[in-house]
Amino acid sequence: MVPSDFTFAVRCHQDLTHRIGLKPTEEAHRVLSQMVNYCNLLQAPFLVLETPSSNIFSDEAVDAARDVLSSSNLRGVRLVWENRAPLTSKAQSMMQDLNIVHSADLSRQTPLFASDMLYTRLFGKGKHNIYQFTDEELEEIVHKVLTSKAKTVALSYHGVRMNSDALRFASYLKTGKFPSITQFTGVAAAKTVLAEDAKFPASKQALIEDQGWKVFDVTSSKRLRLSEWLAKIPDKVYSNVEEVAQALEAKQ
């Protein structure tokens, strides 16, 4: 069960975006129609198309995509397109003509053109989705949202800390301040986030690579990425989290 005001967004099946490739075939129309059915059942206003980086749309491919997307009855569902390959000017024009929203990860880029709607899938700047946003990065996203001309904004978090990142973002919008991540500060906070899943024995470099993406509370009002503190400890192999905490304490 979800709250009555919960808003779904539906990710389009890869049959259309990857296997068929947005070509105006009978199967493509059938898949798109079924996805719209799912949107209507969930009362989801957005259908998100994600095409891979290997799929660079030629002029012919853009014409084919225009054909299938413009000739389908979307029944009020808004198309959002995350094209992971560089968008050509013709593809961009097609999207604008069909009122398709360009989905861009606001932590890395901005949409290629203004729209009445802003839709972003937020992964962050780490490997895949292993990332946690700092306060400053969330503030930058807030700035991009507030300076856009969009009337509707949808932020979809996809990092491993997506729930807490979204709650921190919402708290900042409401209060102007970011909440603490743990109940501790300083070395105790760093030790807390390390203790979640750090594997030992571990070298300094391994700790930075595996744990450095996390954010912890330096003070009640300031947070840092853990890699910034781990970079200061001696270059050796650590047996447990207590050894790391002692090394961090010695460097403060």
C-alpha atoms as a PDB file:
ATOM      1  CA  MET A   1       0.000   0.000   0.000  1.00  0.00           C
ATOM      2  CA  VAL A   2       1.096   3.558  -0.719  1.00  0.00           C
ATOM      3  CA  PRO A   3      -0.312   6.891   0.520  1.00  0.00           C
ATOM      4  CA  SER A   4      -3.267   8.271  -1.428  1.00  0.00           C
ATOM      5  CA  ASP A   5      -1.150  11.167  -2.717  1.00  0.00           C
ATOM      6  CA  PHE A   6       1.714   8.937  -3.900  1.00  0.00           C
ATOM      7  CA  THR A   7       2.755   9.566  -7.506  1.00  0.00           C
ATOM      8  CA  PHE A   8       4.081   6.718  -9.626  1.00  0.00           C
ATOM      9  CA  ALA A   9       6.345   6.996 -12.653  1.00  0.00           C
ATOM     10  CA  VAL A  10       6.517   3.989 -14.960  1.00  0.00           C
ATOM     11  CA  ARG A  11       9.750   2.904 -16.631  1.00  0.00           C
ATOM     12  CA  CYS A  12       9.080   1.771 -20.187  1.00  0.00           C
ATOM     13  CA  HIS A  13       9.884  -1.877 -20.911  1.00  0.00           C
ATOM     14  CA  GLN A  14      13.190  -2.486 -22.666  1.00  0.00           C
ATOM     15  CA  ASP A  15      11.395  -4.312 -25.452  1.00  0.00           C
ATOM     16  CA  LEU A  16      10.559  -0.903 -26.864  1.00  0.00           C
ATOM     17  CA  THR A  17      13.629   1.134 -25.944  1.00  0.00           C
ATOM     18  CA  HIS A  18      16.360  -1.461 -26.405  1.00  0.00           C
ATOM     19  CA  ARG A  19      15.227  -4.438 -28.495  1.00  0.00           C
ATOM     20  CA  ILE A  20      12.826  -2.802 -30.953  1.00  0.00           C
ATOM     21  CA  GLY A  21      14.549   0.568 -30.747  1.00  0.00           C
ATOM     22  CA  LEU A  22      11.564   2.935 -31.162  1.00  0.00           C
ATOM     23  CA  LYS A  23      10.813   1.718 -34.657  1.00  0.00           C
ATOM     24  CA  PRO A  24       7.201   2.091 -35.892  1.00  0.00           C
ATOM     25  CA  THR A  25       6.357  -1.601 -35.953  1.00  0.00           C
ATOM     26  CA  GLU A  26       3.149  -3.281 -34.885  1.00  0.00           C
ATOM     27  CA  GLU A  27       4.968  -4.740 -31.874  1.00  0.00           C
ATOM     28  CA  ALA A  28       6.282  -1.312 -30.858  1.00  0.00           C
ATOM     29  CA  HIS A  29       2.784   0.145 -30.868  1.00  0.00           C
ATOM     30  CA  ARG A  30       1.526  -2.812 -28.872  1.00  0.00           C
ATOM     31  CA  VAL A  31       4.241  -2.480 -26.222  1.00  0.00           C
ATOM     32  CA  LEU A  32       3.746   1.282 -25.924  1.00  0.00           C
ATOM     33  CA  SER A  33      -0.016   0.849 -25.610  1.00  0.00           C
ATOM     34  CA  GLN A  34       0.461  -1.695 -22.829  1.00  0.00           C
ATOM     35  CA  MET A  35       2.820   0.628 -20.967  1.00  0.00           C
ATOM     36  CA  VAL A  36       0.219   3.392 -21.178  1.00  0.00           C
ATOM     37  CA  ASN A  37      -2.303   0.927 -19.748  1.00  0.00           C
ATOM     38  CA  TYR A  38      -0.005   0.365 -16.773  1.00  0.00           C
ATOM     39  CA  CYS A  39       0.340   4.113 -16.293  1.00  0.00           C
ATOM     40  CA  ASN A  40      -3.433   4.535 -16.284  1.00  0.00           C
ATOM     41  CA  LEU A  41      -3.914   1.693 -13.801  1.00  0.00           C
ATOM     42  CA  LEU A  42      -1.391   3.280 -11.435  1.00  0.00           C
ATOM     43  CA  GLN A  43      -2.589   6.810 -12.205  1.00  0.00           C
ATOM     44  CA  ALA A  44       1.022   7.500 -13.151  1.00  0.00           C
ATOM     45  CA  PRO A  45       1.413  10.734 -15.148  1.00  0.00           C
ATOM     46  CA  PHE A  46       4.890   9.839 -16.470  1.00  0.00           C
ATOM     47  CA  LEU A  47       6.184   7.120 -18.771  1.00  0.00           C
ATOM     48  CA  VAL A  48       9.990   7.159 -18.743  1.00  0.00           C
ATOM     49  CA  LEU A  49      11.868   6.006 -21.841  1.00  0.00           C
ATOM     50  CA  GLU A  50      15.536   5.192 -21.279  1.00  0.00           C
ATOM     51  CA  THR A  51      17.614   4.495 -24.381  1.00  0.00           C
ATOM     52  CA  PRO A  52      21.176   3.191 -23.996  1.00  0.00           C
ATOM     53  CA  SER A  53      24.387   5.050 -24.743  1.00  0.00           C
ATOM     54  CA  SER A  54      25.019   2.706 -27.659  1.00  0.00           C
ATOM     55  CA  ASN A  55      21.850   3.897 -29.389  1.00  0.00           C
ATOM     56  CA  ILE A  56      22.838   7.104 -31.190  1.00  0.00           C
ATOM     57  CA  PHE A  57      19.819   8.319 -33.126  1.00  0.00           C
ATOM     58  CA  SER A  58      20.512   9.024 -36.790  1.00  0.00           C
ATOM     59  CA  ASP A  59      18.150  11.258 -38.759  1.00  0.00           C
ATOM     60  CA  GLU A  60      16.358   8.127 -39.972  1.00  0.00           C
ATOM     61  CA  ALA A  61      16.057   6.775 -36.433  1.00  0.00           C
ATOM     62  CA  VAL A  62      14.643  10.100 -35.250  1.00  0.00           C
ATOM     63  CA  ASP A  63      12.012   9.975 -38.003  1.00  0.00           C
ATOM     64  CA  ALA A  64      11.133   6.427 -36.956  1.00  0.00           C
ATOM     65  CA  ALA A  65      10.842   7.426 -33.292  1.00  0.00           C
ATOM     66  CA  ARG A  66       8.665  10.406 -34.229  1.00  0.00           C
ATOM     67  CA  ASP A  67       6.399   8.069 -36.171  1.00  0.00           C
ATOM     68  CA  VAL A  68       5.804   5.617 -33.334  1.00  0.00           C
ATOM     69  CA  LEU A  69       5.569   8.221 -30.556  1.00  0.00           C
ATOM     70  CA  SER A  70       3.337  10.680 -32.395  1.00  0.00           C
ATOM     71  CA  SER A  71       0.907   8.097 -33.722  1.00  0.00           C
ATOM     72  CA  SER A  72       0.190   6.391 -30.388  1.00  0.00           C
ATOM     73  CA  ASN A  73      -2.671   7.369 -28.097  1.00  0.00           C
ATOM     74  CA  LEU A  74      -0.949   8.251 -24.829  1.00  0.00           C
ATOM     75  CA  ARG A  75      -4.231   9.019 -23.048  1.00  0.00           C
ATOM     76  CA  GLY A  76      -2.829  11.918 -21.052  1.00  0.00           C
ATOM     77  CA  VAL A  77       0.439  10.238 -20.092  1.00  0.00           C
ATOM     78  CA  ARG A  78       3.519  12.466 -20.450  1.00  0.00           C
ATOM     79  CA  LEU A  79       6.584  10.950 -22.072  1.00  0.00           C
ATOM     80  CA  VAL A  80       9.943  11.494 -20.386  1.00  0.00           C
ATOM     81  CA  TRP A  81      13.051  10.518 -22.350  1.00  0.00           C
ATOM     82  CA  GLU A  82      16.437   9.766 -20.840  1.00  0.00           C
ATOM     83  CA  ASN A  83      18.671   9.392 -23.858  1.00  0.00           C
ATOM     84  CA  ARG A  84      22.092   8.256 -22.641  1.00  0.00           C
ATOM     85  CA  ALA A  85      23.714   8.905 -26.006  1.00  0.00           C
ATOM     86  CA  PRO A  86      24.378  12.492 -27.150  1.00  0.00           C
ATOM     87  CA  LEU A  87      21.200  14.044 -28.490  1.00  0.00           C
ATOM     88  CA  THR A  88      21.357  15.390 -32.031  1.00  0.00           C
ATOM     89  CA  SER A  89      19.645  18.668 -32.858  1.00  0.00           C
ATOM     90  CA  LYS A  90      17.034  16.760 -34.861  1.00  0.00           C
ATOM     91  CA  ALA A  91      16.264  14.466 -31.919  1.00  0.00           C
ATOM     92  CA  GLN A  92      15.972  17.479 -29.644  1.00  0.00           C
ATOM     93  CA  SER A  93      13.590  19.203 -32.071  1.00  0.00           C
ATOM     94  CA  MET A  94      11.475  16.069 -32.264  1.00  0.00           C
ATOM     95  CA  MET A  95      11.217  15.926 -28.473  1.00  0.00           C
ATOM     96  CA  GLN A  96      10.173  19.566 -28.280  1.00  0.00           C
ATOM     97  CA  ASP A  97       7.622  19.138 -31.077  1.00  0.00           C
ATOM     98  CA  LEU A  98       6.034  16.166 -29.282  1.00  0.00           C
ATOM     99  CA  ASN A  99       6.224  17.815 -25.838  1.00  0.00           C
ATOM    100  CA  ILE A 100       8.538  15.086 -24.550  1.00  0.00           C
ATOM    101  CA  VAL A 101      10.447  15.952 -21.361  1.00  0.00           C
ATOM    102  CA  HIS A 102      14.230  15.574 -21.468  1.00  0.00           C
ATOM    103  CA  SER A 103      15.290  13.683 -18.350  1.00  0.00           C
ATOM    104  CA  ALA A 104      18.720  14.775 -17.137  1.00  0.00           C
ATOM    105  CA  ASP A 105      20.526  13.868 -13.920  1.00  0.00           C
ATOM    106  CA  LEU A 106      20.650  17.293 -12.249  1.00  0.00           C
ATOM    107  CA  SER A 107      23.653  16.216 -10.197  1.00  0.00           C
ATOM    108  CA  ARG A 108      25.631  16.012 -13.449  1.00  0.00           C
ATOM    109  CA  GLN A 109      23.860  18.105 -16.086  1.00  0.00           C
ATOM    110  CA  THR A 110      20.814  20.194 -16.934  1.00  0.00           C
ATOM    111  CA  PRO A 111      18.031  19.499 -19.458  1.00  0.00           C
ATOM    112  CA  LEU A 112      18.903  20.499 -23.007  1.00  0.00           C
ATOM    113  CA  PHE A 113      15.810  22.637 -23.351  1.00  0.00           C
ATOM    114  CA  ALA A 114      13.326  24.361 -21.080  1.00  0.00           C
ATOM    115  CA  SER A 115       9.947  22.769 -20.497  1.00  0.00           C
ATOM    116  CA  ASP A 116       6.878  23.220 -18.336  1.00  0.00           C
ATOM    117  CA  MET A 117       7.987  20.062 -16.553  1.00  0.00           C
ATOM    118  CA  LEU A 118      11.302  19.055 -15.008  1.00  0.00           C
ATOM    119  CA  TYR A 119      11.968  15.351 -14.495  1.00  0.00           C
ATOM    120  CA  THR A 120      15.286  14.106 -13.181  1.00  0.00           C
ATOM    121  CA  ARG A 121      16.671  10.715 -12.246  1.00  0.00           C
ATOM    122  CA  LEU A 122      19.363  11.390  -9.641  1.00  0.00           C
ATOM    123  CA  PHE A 123      22.223   8.896  -9.534  1.00  0.00           C
ATOM    124  CA  GLY A 124      25.041  11.142  -8.324  1.00  0.00           C
ATOM    125  CA  LYS A 125      28.682  11.139  -9.363  1.00  0.00           C
ATOM    126  CA  GLY A 126      29.814   7.750  -8.091  1.00  0.00           C
ATOM    127  CA  LYS A 127      30.162   4.321  -9.649  1.00  0.00           C
ATOM    128  CA  HIS A 128      26.744   3.223 -10.838  1.00  0.00           C
ATOM    129  CA  ASN A 129      24.368   4.271  -8.044  1.00  0.00           C
ATOM    130  CA  ILE A 130      26.790   3.908  -5.109  1.00  0.00           C
ATOM    131  CA  TYR A 131      26.628   7.486  -3.923  1.00  0.00           C
ATOM    132  CA  GLN A 132      25.371   9.820  -1.224  1.00  0.00           C
ATOM    133  CA  PHE A 133      24.844  13.522  -1.799  1.00  0.00           C
ATOM    134  CA  THR A 134      26.588  16.172   0.257  1.00  0.00           C
ATOM    135  CA  ASP A 135      24.644  19.187   1.486  1.00  0.00           C
ATOM    136  CA  GLU A 136      26.331  21.339  -1.137  1.00  0.00           C
ATOM    137  CA  GLU A 137      25.346  18.983  -3.945  1.00  0.00           C
ATOM    138  CA  LEU A 138      21.734  18.950  -2.781  1.00  0.00           C
ATOM    139  CA  GLU A 139      21.799  22.760  -2.592  1.00  0.00           C
ATOM    140  CA  GLU A 140      23.011  22.850  -6.194  1.00  0.00           C
ATOM    141  CA  ILE A 141      20.087  20.649  -7.235  1.00  0.00           C
ATOM    142  CA  VAL A 142      17.702  22.937  -5.354  1.00  0.00           C
ATOM    143  CA  HIS A 143      19.151  25.906  -7.245  1.00  0.00           C
ATOM    144  CA  LYS A 144      18.662  24.197 -10.604  1.00  0.00           C
ATOM    145  CA  VAL A 145      15.071  23.355  -9.704  1.00  0.00           C
ATOM    146  CA  LEU A 146      14.205  26.837  -8.483  1.00  0.00           C
ATOM    147  CA  THR A 147      15.806  28.595 -11.455  1.00  0.00           C
ATOM    148  CA  SER A 148      14.077  26.384 -14.001  1.00  0.00           C
ATOM    149  CA  LYS A 149      10.850  27.573 -15.569  1.00  0.00           C
ATOM    150  CA  ALA A 150       9.106  24.279 -14.901  1.00  0.00           C
ATOM    151  CA  LYS A 151       5.645  24.293 -13.361  1.00  0.00           C
ATOM    152  CA  THR A 152       5.922  20.653 -12.318  1.00  0.00           C
ATOM    153  CA  VAL A 153       9.086  19.081 -10.897  1.00  0.00           C
ATOM    154  CA  ALA A 154       9.690  15.379 -10.261  1.00  0.00           C
ATOM    155  CA  LEU A 155      12.896  14.206  -8.604  1.00  0.00           C
ATOM    156  CA  SER A 156      13.548  10.475  -8.694  1.00  0.00           C
ATOM    157  CA  TYR A 157      16.451   9.383  -6.490  1.00  0.00           C
ATOM    158  CA  HIS A 158      18.328   6.249  -7.550  1.00  0.00           C
ATOM    159  CA  GLY A 159      21.373   6.113  -5.267  1.00  0.00           C
ATOM    160  CA  VAL A 160      21.857   3.575  -2.485  1.00  0.00           C
ATOM    161  CA  ARG A 161      21.000   6.369  -0.019  1.00  0.00           C
ATOM    162  CA  MET A 162      17.971   7.482  -2.039  1.00  0.00           C
ATOM    163  CA  ASN A 163      15.523   7.475   0.884  1.00  0.00           C
ATOM    164  CA  SER A 164      17.682   9.556   3.217  1.00  0.00           C
ATOM    165  CA  ASP A 165      18.845  11.839   0.392  1.00  0.00           C
ATOM    166  CA  ALA A 166      15.233  12.556  -0.568  1.00  0.00           C
ATOM    167  CA  LEU A 167      14.270  13.207   3.057  1.00  0.00           C
ATOM    168  CA  ARG A 168      17.240  15.544   3.516  1.00  0.00           C
ATOM    169  CA  PHE A 169      16.266  17.400   0.344  1.00  0.00           C
ATOM    170  CA  ALA A 170      12.653  17.747   1.505  1.00  0.00           C
ATOM    171  CA  SER A 171      13.737  18.905   4.967  1.00  0.00           C
ATOM    172  CA  TYR A 172      15.972  21.584   3.443  1.00  0.00           C
ATOM    173  CA  LEU A 173      13.140  22.882   1.271  1.00  0.00           C
ATOM    174  CA  LYS A 174      10.861  23.059   4.315  1.00  0.00           C
ATOM    175  CA  THR A 175      13.251  24.418   6.970  1.00  0.00           C
ATOM    176  CA  GLY A 176      16.270  25.795   5.108  1.00  0.00           C
ATOM    177  CA  LYS A 177      18.525  23.396   7.020  1.00  0.00           C
ATOM    178  CA  PHE A 178      19.799  19.879   6.426  1.00  0.00           C
ATOM    179  CA  PRO A 179      19.139  17.286   9.140  1.00  0.00           C
ATOM    180  CA  SER A 180      21.911  15.253  10.742  1.00  0.00           C
ATOM    181  CA  ILE A 181      22.733  11.888   9.194  1.00  0.00           C
ATOM    182  CA  THR A 182      23.605  10.158  12.483  1.00  0.00           C
ATOM    183  CA  GLN A 183      23.141  11.006  16.144  1.00  0.00           C
ATOM    184  CA  PHE A 184      26.895  11.569  16.460  1.00  0.00           C
ATOM    185  CA  THR A 185      29.455  14.051  15.153  1.00  0.00           C
ATOM    186  CA  GLY A 186      33.121  13.925  14.275  1.00  0.00           C
ATOM    187  CA  VAL A 187      35.024  10.657  14.625  1.00  0.00           C
ATOM    188  CA  ALA A 188      32.058   8.973  16.315  1.00  0.00           C
ATOM    189  CA  ALA A 189      29.902   9.763  13.270  1.00  0.00           C
ATOM    190  CA  ALA A 190      32.599   8.522  10.876  1.00  0.00           C
ATOM    191  CA  LYS A 191      32.898   5.324  12.926  1.00  0.00           C
ATOM    192  CA  THR A 192      29.120   4.838  12.798  1.00  0.00           C
ATOM    193  CA  VAL A 193      28.879   4.951   9.005  1.00  0.00           C
ATOM    194  CA  LEU A 194      31.990   2.773   8.644  1.00  0.00           C
ATOM    195  CA  ALA A 195      30.539   0.170  10.993  1.00  0.00           C
ATOM    196  CA  GLU A 196      27.504  -0.307   8.732  1.00  0.00           C
ATOM    197  CA  ASP A 197      29.237  -2.571   6.230  1.00  0.00           C
ATOM    198  CA  ALA A 198      33.015  -2.028   6.141  1.00  0.00           C
ATOM    199  CA  LYS A 199      34.966  -5.260   5.621  1.00  0.00           C
ATOM    200  CA  PHE A 200      38.221  -5.911   7.477  1.00  0.00           C
ATOM    201  CA  PRO A 201      41.133  -6.308   7.211  1.00  0.00           C
ATOM    202  CA  ALA A 202      41.228  -3.406   4.757  1.00  0.00           C
ATOM    203  CA  SER A 203      43.886  -1.105   3.388  1.00  0.00           C
ATOM    204  CA  LYS A 204      43.516   2.661   3.431  1.00  0.00           C
ATOM    205  CA  GLN A 205      42.911   2.670  -0.326  1.00  0.00           C
ATOM    206  CA  ALA A 206      40.283  -0.071  -0.068  1.00  0.00           C
ATOM    207  CA  LEU A 207      38.454   1.892   2.626  1.00  0.00           C
ATOM    208  CA  ILE A 208      38.468   5.014   0.473  1.00  0.00           C
ATOM    209  CA  GLU A 209      37.169   3.106  -2.546  1.00  0.00           C
ATOM    210  CA  ASP A 210      34.502   1.126  -0.660  1.00  0.00           C
ATOM    211  CA  GLN A 211      33.445   3.610   2.020  1.00  0.00           C
ATOM    212  CA  GLY A 212      34.599   7.029   0.863  1.00  0.00           C
ATOM    213  CA  TRP A 213      31.340   7.821  -0.964  1.00  0.00           C
ATOM    214  CA  LYS A 214      29.453   8.062   2.335  1.00  0.00           C
ATOM    215  CA  VAL A 215      28.637  11.357   4.032  1.00  0.00           C
ATOM    216  CA  PHE A 216      28.927  11.892   7.798  1.00  0.00           C
ATOM    217  CA  ASP A 217      28.343  14.682  10.330  1.00  0.00           C
ATOM    218  CA  VAL A 218      31.512  16.599  11.148  1.00  0.00           C
ATOM    219  CA  THR A 219      29.410  18.885  13.362  1.00  0.00           C
ATOM    220  CA  SER A 220      25.658  19.199  13.817  1.00  0.00           C
ATOM    221  CA  SER A 221      25.577  21.678  10.935  1.00  0.00           C
ATOM    222  CA  LYS A 222      28.371  20.468   8.670  1.00  0.00           C
ATOM    223  CA  ARG A 223      28.765  17.238   6.725  1.00  0.00           C
ATOM    224  CA  LEU A 224      31.664  15.879   4.679  1.00  0.00           C
ATOM    225  CA  ARG A 225      32.326  12.942   2.418  1.00  0.00           C
ATOM    226  CA  LEU A 226      34.132  10.226   4.355  1.00  0.00           C
ATOM    227  CA  SER A 227      36.902  10.024   1.745  1.00  0.00           C
ATOM    228  CA  GLU A 228      38.117  13.474   2.846  1.00  0.00           C
ATOM    229  CA  TRP A 229      38.982  12.170   6.320  1.00  0.00           C
ATOM    230  CA  LEU A 230      40.123   8.715   5.260  1.00  0.00           C
ATOM    231  CA  ALA A 231      42.685  10.368   2.957  1.00  0.00           C
ATOM    232  CA  LYS A 232      44.484  11.703   6.054  1.00  0.00           C
ATOM    233  CA  ILE A 233      45.089   8.419   7.889  1.00  0.00           C
ATOM    234  CA  PRO A 234      48.327   6.398   7.576  1.00  0.00           C
ATOM    235  CA  ASP A 235      48.688   4.166   4.552  1.00  0.00           C
ATOM    236  CA  LYS A 236      48.448   0.706   6.145  1.00  0.00           C
ATOM    237  CA  VAL A 237      46.121  -2.235   6.574  1.00  0.00           C
ATOM    238  CA  TYR A 238      43.499  -1.844   9.311  1.00  0.00           C
ATOM    239  CA  SER A 239      42.149  -4.804  11.289  1.00  0.00           C
ATOM    240  CA  ASN A 240      38.861  -3.289  12.477  1.00  0.00           C
ATOM    241  CA  VAL A 241      36.802  -0.129  12.663  1.00  0.00           C
ATOM    242  CA  GLU A 242      38.320   0.800  16.045  1.00  0.00           C
ATOM    243  CA  GLU A 243      41.767   1.070  14.470  1.00  0.00           C
ATOM    244  CA  VAL A 244      40.397   3.362  11.783  1.00  0.00           C
ATOM    245  CA  ALA A 245      38.624   5.498  14.403  1.00  0.00           C
ATOM    246  CA  GLN A 246      41.880   5.825  16.380  1.00  0.00           C
ATOM    247  CA  ALA A 247      43.740   6.885  13.230  1.00  0.00           C
ATOM    248  CA  LEU A 248      41.062   9.446  12.440  1.00  0.00           C
ATOM    249  CA  GLU A 249      41.185  10.778  16.001  1.00  0.00           C
ATOM    250  CA  ALA A 250      44.959  11.214  15.785  1.00  0.00           C
ATOM    251  CA  LYS A 251      44.586  13.365  12.664  1.00  0.00           C
ATOM    252  CA  GLN A 252      42.028  15.797  14.118  1.00  0.00           C
END
